[in-house]
Amino acid sequence: MTVILRDAMVFLSEDDSDPIVGTLSFESPFNANTTVTIKTTNKIKVTVTLLANQIDLAVFNLNKQGFGVIFKNALYYEDYENYAKECDDWNKLAKEVLGRELKPCFVNSFCL
């Protein structure tokens, strides 16, 4: 099954202050060797294909209830009910880096 995560911020290293912003897509199940495609949403459209293990951190607003994160080759879900501070921190990071909040992907969290 193909998973599509819209409006994600992808950092390729700890020193990366300018993330790649766009739509991530990959085949489930997700692991270190999963091929991830990122299509940028900038004025100049670019497609980047890499392995999951090349991603240092990816953040996306999964739905109105929480955020998803790719870290150390794994997917994590943080909902507002249990991780309100962390979700607010992801919103703050997006505002600092992008000047706006991330848009929800509207993906069911159980399919990750």
N, C-alpha and C. Protein backbone atom coordinates (compact mmCIF):
# COMPACT_ATOMS: atom_id res chain seq x y z
N MET A 1 0.84 -1.16 0.00
CA MET A 1 0.00 0.00 0.00
C MET A 1 0.90 1.25 0.00
N THR A 2 0.56 2.20 -0.84
CA THR A 2 1.30 3.45 -0.90
C THR A 2 0.76 4.41 0.14
N VAL A 3 1.65 4.97 0.95
CA VAL A 3 1.29 5.97 1.94
C VAL A 3 1.73 7.32 1.40
N ILE A 4 0.85 8.30 1.47
CA ILE A 4 1.14 9.65 0.99
C ILE A 4 0.95 10.62 2.15
N LEU A 5 2.00 11.36 2.46
CA LEU A 5 1.99 12.34 3.54
C LEU A 5 2.21 13.72 2.94
N ARG A 6 1.18 14.51 2.93
CA ARG A 6 1.26 15.83 2.32
C ARG A 6 1.80 16.87 3.31
N ASP A 7 2.48 17.85 2.78
CA ASP A 7 2.98 18.99 3.53
C ASP A 7 3.86 18.58 4.70
N ALA A 8 4.92 17.88 4.41
CA ALA A 8 5.87 17.43 5.43
C ALA A 8 7.16 18.24 5.35
N MET A 9 7.81 18.39 6.50
CA MET A 9 9.15 18.99 6.57
C MET A 9 10.14 17.85 6.76
N VAL A 10 11.15 17.77 5.88
CA VAL A 10 12.13 16.70 5.95
C VAL A 10 13.52 17.29 6.15
N PHE A 11 14.13 16.94 7.27
CA PHE A 11 15.49 17.36 7.57
C PHE A 11 16.42 16.19 7.27
N LEU A 12 17.46 16.42 6.47
CA LEU A 12 18.37 15.34 6.09
C LEU A 12 19.58 15.24 7.01
N SER A 13 19.80 16.24 7.86
CA SER A 13 20.88 16.18 8.84
C SER A 13 20.51 17.05 10.02
N GLU A 14 21.23 16.87 11.13
CA GLU A 14 20.98 17.68 12.32
C GLU A 14 21.27 19.15 12.07
N ASP A 15 22.17 19.44 11.16
CA ASP A 15 22.56 20.81 10.87
C ASP A 15 21.69 21.47 9.81
N ASP A 16 20.71 20.74 9.30
CA ASP A 16 19.86 21.21 8.22
C ASP A 16 18.86 22.23 8.75
N SER A 17 19.08 23.52 8.44
CA SER A 17 18.15 24.55 8.89
C SER A 17 17.06 24.81 7.86
N ASP A 18 17.28 24.36 6.63
CA ASP A 18 16.29 24.52 5.57
C ASP A 18 15.81 23.13 5.13
N PRO A 19 14.70 22.68 5.67
CA PRO A 19 14.22 21.35 5.30
C PRO A 19 13.65 21.33 3.89
N ILE A 20 13.51 20.13 3.37
CA ILE A 20 12.77 19.93 2.13
C ILE A 20 11.30 19.89 2.54
N VAL A 21 10.46 20.68 1.88
CA VAL A 21 9.04 20.71 2.21
C VAL A 21 8.27 20.19 1.01
N GLY A 22 7.42 19.21 1.27
CA GLY A 22 6.64 18.66 0.17
C GLY A 22 5.85 17.44 0.58
N THR A 23 5.50 16.65 -0.40
CA THR A 23 4.71 15.45 -0.21
C THR A 23 5.62 14.23 -0.20
N LEU A 24 5.54 13.44 0.87
CA LEU A 24 6.30 12.19 0.97
C LEU A 24 5.41 11.05 0.53
N SER A 25 5.98 10.11 -0.18
CA SER A 25 5.25 8.88 -0.51
C SER A 25 6.20 7.70 -0.42
N PHE A 26 5.64 6.58 0.05
CA PHE A 26 6.43 5.36 0.19
C PHE A 26 5.48 4.18 0.29
N GLU A 27 6.04 3.01 0.06
CA GLU A 27 5.26 1.77 0.18
C GLU A 27 5.37 1.26 1.61
N SER A 28 4.27 0.84 2.15
CA SER A 28 4.23 0.25 3.48
C SER A 28 4.58 -1.23 3.37
N PRO A 29 5.28 -1.81 4.30
CA PRO A 29 5.71 -1.33 5.60
C PRO A 29 6.95 -0.46 5.49
N PHE A 30 7.15 0.38 6.49
CA PHE A 30 8.24 1.36 6.52
C PHE A 30 9.40 0.80 7.32
N ASN A 31 10.62 0.88 6.73
CA ASN A 31 11.83 0.48 7.44
C ASN A 31 13.01 1.28 6.88
N ALA A 32 14.21 1.00 7.34
CA ALA A 32 15.39 1.77 6.94
C ALA A 32 15.65 1.73 5.44
N ASN A 33 15.28 0.65 4.77
CA ASN A 33 15.54 0.51 3.34
C ASN A 33 14.36 0.88 2.45
N THR A 34 13.32 1.46 3.03
CA THR A 34 12.17 1.89 2.26
C THR A 34 12.56 3.07 1.38
N THR A 35 12.18 3.03 0.12
CA THR A 35 12.42 4.15 -0.78
C THR A 35 11.34 5.20 -0.54
N VAL A 36 11.78 6.42 -0.28
CA VAL A 36 10.88 7.54 -0.01
C VAL A 36 11.02 8.55 -1.14
N THR A 37 9.91 9.01 -1.67
CA THR A 37 9.91 10.03 -2.71
C THR A 37 9.33 11.30 -2.11
N ILE A 38 10.04 12.39 -2.31
CA ILE A 38 9.58 13.69 -1.84
C ILE A 38 9.36 14.57 -3.07
N LYS A 39 8.15 15.09 -3.22
CA LYS A 39 7.85 16.04 -4.29
C LYS A 39 7.67 17.39 -3.63
N THR A 40 8.54 18.33 -3.98
CA THR A 40 8.49 19.65 -3.34
C THR A 40 7.26 20.42 -3.79
N THR A 41 6.86 21.35 -2.93
CA THR A 41 5.70 22.17 -3.22
C THR A 41 6.09 23.61 -3.50
N ASN A 42 7.38 23.84 -3.73
CA ASN A 42 7.87 25.19 -4.04
C ASN A 42 7.46 25.59 -5.45
N LYS A 43 7.78 26.82 -5.81
CA LYS A 43 7.48 27.29 -7.17
C LYS A 43 8.20 26.43 -8.20
N ILE A 44 9.42 26.02 -7.88
CA ILE A 44 10.17 25.11 -8.74
C ILE A 44 9.95 23.71 -8.21
N LYS A 45 9.31 22.87 -8.99
CA LYS A 45 8.97 21.51 -8.56
C LYS A 45 10.18 20.60 -8.72
N VAL A 46 10.51 19.88 -7.65
CA VAL A 46 11.64 18.95 -7.65
C VAL A 46 11.16 17.65 -7.02
N THR A 47 11.63 16.54 -7.56
CA THR A 47 11.35 15.24 -6.96
C THR A 47 12.66 14.65 -6.46
N VAL A 48 12.68 14.27 -5.18
CA VAL A 48 13.85 13.69 -4.55
C VAL A 48 13.49 12.27 -4.13
N THR A 49 14.34 11.32 -4.48
CA THR A 49 14.14 9.93 -4.08
C THR A 49 15.34 9.51 -3.24
N LEU A 50 15.04 8.96 -2.06
CA LEU A 50 16.11 8.54 -1.15
C LEU A 50 15.61 7.39 -0.29
N LEU A 51 16.54 6.81 0.47
CA LEU A 51 16.17 5.75 1.40
C LEU A 51 15.77 6.36 2.73
N ALA A 52 14.91 5.70 3.44
CA ALA A 52 14.42 6.20 4.73
C ALA A 52 15.56 6.47 5.70
N ASN A 53 16.62 5.67 5.63
CA ASN A 53 17.72 5.88 6.58
C ASN A 53 18.50 7.16 6.31
N GLN A 54 18.23 7.86 5.22
CA GLN A 54 18.88 9.14 4.93
C GLN A 54 18.13 10.31 5.56
N ILE A 55 16.94 10.05 6.10
CA ILE A 55 16.13 11.09 6.73
C ILE A 55 16.52 11.20 8.20
N ASP A 56 16.94 12.38 8.61
CA ASP A 56 17.24 12.60 10.02
C ASP A 56 15.95 12.80 10.80
N LEU A 57 15.05 13.63 10.27
CA LEU A 57 13.78 13.90 10.91
C LEU A 57 12.79 14.37 9.87
N ALA A 58 11.59 13.83 9.91
CA ALA A 58 10.50 14.33 9.08
C ALA A 58 9.31 14.56 10.00
N VAL A 59 8.63 15.68 9.82
CA VAL A 59 7.49 16.04 10.65
C VAL A 59 6.32 16.34 9.73
N PHE A 60 5.14 15.80 10.08
CA PHE A 60 3.94 16.08 9.30
C PHE A 60 2.74 16.09 10.22
N ASN A 61 1.78 16.93 9.89
CA ASN A 61 0.54 17.03 10.65
C ASN A 61 -0.39 15.97 10.08
N LEU A 62 -0.47 14.85 10.76
CA LEU A 62 -1.21 13.71 10.23
C LEU A 62 -2.69 13.99 10.10
N ASN A 63 -3.28 14.52 11.14
CA ASN A 63 -4.69 14.88 11.12
C ASN A 63 -4.92 15.89 12.23
N LYS A 64 -6.15 16.29 12.45
CA LYS A 64 -6.42 17.32 13.46
C LYS A 64 -6.12 16.84 14.88
N GLN A 65 -5.94 15.54 15.06
CA GLN A 65 -5.69 15.01 16.39
C GLN A 65 -4.21 14.90 16.73
N GLY A 66 -3.31 15.01 15.75
CA GLY A 66 -1.91 14.86 16.11
C GLY A 66 -0.94 14.92 14.95
N PHE A 67 0.33 14.70 15.30
CA PHE A 67 1.44 14.77 14.35
C PHE A 67 2.08 13.41 14.15
N GLY A 68 2.69 13.24 13.01
CA GLY A 68 3.50 12.07 12.74
C GLY A 68 4.94 12.52 12.59
N VAL A 69 5.85 11.62 12.95
CA VAL A 69 7.27 11.92 12.90
C VAL A 69 8.00 10.69 12.36
N ILE A 70 8.96 10.92 11.49
CA ILE A 70 9.88 9.86 11.07
C ILE A 70 11.21 10.19 11.73
N PHE A 71 11.70 9.25 12.55
CA PHE A 71 12.95 9.45 13.26
C PHE A 71 13.61 8.10 13.45
N LYS A 72 14.89 8.02 13.14
CA LYS A 72 15.65 6.77 13.25
C LYS A 72 14.93 5.61 12.55
N ASN A 73 14.54 5.86 11.32
CA ASN A 73 13.95 4.84 10.43
C ASN A 73 12.64 4.27 10.93
N ALA A 74 11.92 5.01 11.76
CA ALA A 74 10.64 4.53 12.27
C ALA A 74 9.62 5.65 12.24
N LEU A 75 8.35 5.26 12.13
CA LEU A 75 7.25 6.20 12.14
C LEU A 75 6.66 6.27 13.55
N TYR A 76 6.37 7.47 13.99
CA TYR A 76 5.76 7.67 15.30
C TYR A 76 4.54 8.57 15.15
N TYR A 77 3.57 8.38 16.03
CA TYR A 77 2.37 9.21 16.03
C TYR A 77 2.19 9.81 17.41
N GLU A 78 2.01 11.12 17.46
CA GLU A 78 1.80 11.82 18.72
C GLU A 78 0.46 12.53 18.65
N ASP A 79 -0.49 12.09 19.48
CA ASP A 79 -1.80 12.72 19.46
C ASP A 79 -1.89 13.81 20.52
N TYR A 80 -2.80 14.76 20.29
CA TYR A 80 -2.94 15.88 21.22
C TYR A 80 -3.41 15.43 22.59
N GLU A 81 -4.14 14.34 22.65
CA GLU A 81 -4.65 13.87 23.94
C GLU A 81 -3.52 13.47 24.88
N ASN A 82 -2.51 12.78 24.36
CA ASN A 82 -1.42 12.28 25.20
C ASN A 82 -0.12 13.07 25.06
N TYR A 83 0.03 13.84 23.98
CA TYR A 83 1.30 14.53 23.71
C TYR A 83 1.06 15.99 23.32
N ALA A 84 0.21 16.69 24.06
CA ALA A 84 -0.16 18.06 23.72
C ALA A 84 1.06 18.97 23.61
N LYS A 85 2.01 18.89 24.56
CA LYS A 85 3.19 19.75 24.52
C LYS A 85 4.04 19.47 23.29
N GLU A 86 4.25 18.18 22.98
CA GLU A 86 5.06 17.81 21.81
C GLU A 86 4.40 18.31 20.53
N CYS A 87 3.07 18.16 20.41
CA CYS A 87 2.37 18.62 19.21
C CYS A 87 2.47 20.14 19.08
N ASP A 88 2.34 20.85 20.20
CA ASP A 88 2.51 22.30 20.16
C ASP A 88 3.93 22.68 19.74
N ASP A 89 4.91 21.89 20.19
CA ASP A 89 6.30 22.15 19.80
C ASP A 89 6.50 21.95 18.29
N TRP A 90 5.85 20.94 17.71
CA TRP A 90 5.95 20.73 16.26
C TRP A 90 5.31 21.90 15.52
N ASN A 91 4.19 22.41 16.02
CA ASN A 91 3.56 23.59 15.42
C ASN A 91 4.50 24.79 15.48
N LYS A 92 5.15 24.99 16.63
CA LYS A 92 6.09 26.11 16.79
C LYS A 92 7.27 25.97 15.83
N LEU A 93 7.80 24.74 15.70
CA LEU A 93 8.92 24.52 14.78
C LEU A 93 8.51 24.86 13.35
N ALA A 94 7.34 24.40 12.94
CA ALA A 94 6.87 24.69 11.58
C ALA A 94 6.72 26.19 11.36
N LYS A 95 6.18 26.89 12.35
CA LYS A 95 6.02 28.34 12.23
C LYS A 95 7.37 29.04 12.12
N GLU A 96 8.35 28.57 12.89
CA GLU A 96 9.68 29.17 12.83
C GLU A 96 10.36 28.93 11.50
N VAL A 97 10.26 27.70 11.00
CA VAL A 97 10.98 27.32 9.79
C VAL A 97 10.22 27.74 8.53
N LEU A 98 8.90 27.54 8.52
CA LEU A 98 8.12 27.79 7.31
C LEU A 98 7.31 29.08 7.34
N GLY A 99 7.14 29.62 8.54
CA GLY A 99 6.30 30.80 8.67
C GLY A 99 4.82 30.47 8.72
N ARG A 100 4.50 29.20 8.88
CA ARG A 100 3.11 28.74 8.94
C ARG A 100 3.07 27.36 9.59
N GLU A 101 1.87 26.93 9.95
CA GLU A 101 1.71 25.57 10.48
C GLU A 101 1.63 24.59 9.31
N LEU A 102 1.91 23.33 9.59
CA LEU A 102 1.76 22.29 8.58
C LEU A 102 0.29 21.97 8.39
N LYS A 103 -0.09 21.71 7.15
CA LYS A 103 -1.48 21.35 6.85
C LYS A 103 -1.69 19.87 7.16
N PRO A 104 -2.88 19.50 7.65
CA PRO A 104 -3.15 18.08 7.93
C PRO A 104 -3.11 17.22 6.67
N CYS A 105 -2.60 16.01 6.83
CA CYS A 105 -2.53 15.05 5.72
C CYS A 105 -3.87 14.34 5.49
N PHE A 106 -4.68 14.27 6.55
CA PHE A 106 -5.96 13.57 6.54
C PHE A 106 -5.77 12.08 6.24
N VAL A 107 -4.73 11.50 6.82
CA VAL A 107 -4.46 10.07 6.69
C VAL A 107 -4.91 9.40 7.97
N ASN A 108 -5.48 8.22 7.87
CA ASN A 108 -5.81 7.46 9.06
C ASN A 108 -4.52 6.95 9.68
N SER A 109 -4.32 7.21 10.95
CA SER A 109 -3.07 6.85 11.61
C SER A 109 -2.84 5.35 11.64
N PHE A 110 -3.90 4.57 11.59
CA PHE A 110 -3.72 3.12 11.68
C PHE A 110 -3.08 2.53 10.44
N CYS A 111 -3.08 3.24 9.32
CA CYS A 111 -2.49 2.68 8.10
C CYS A 111 -0.99 2.88 8.07
N LEU A 112 -0.42 3.57 9.05
CA LEU A 112 1.03 3.72 9.11
C LEU A 112 1.58 2.55 9.83
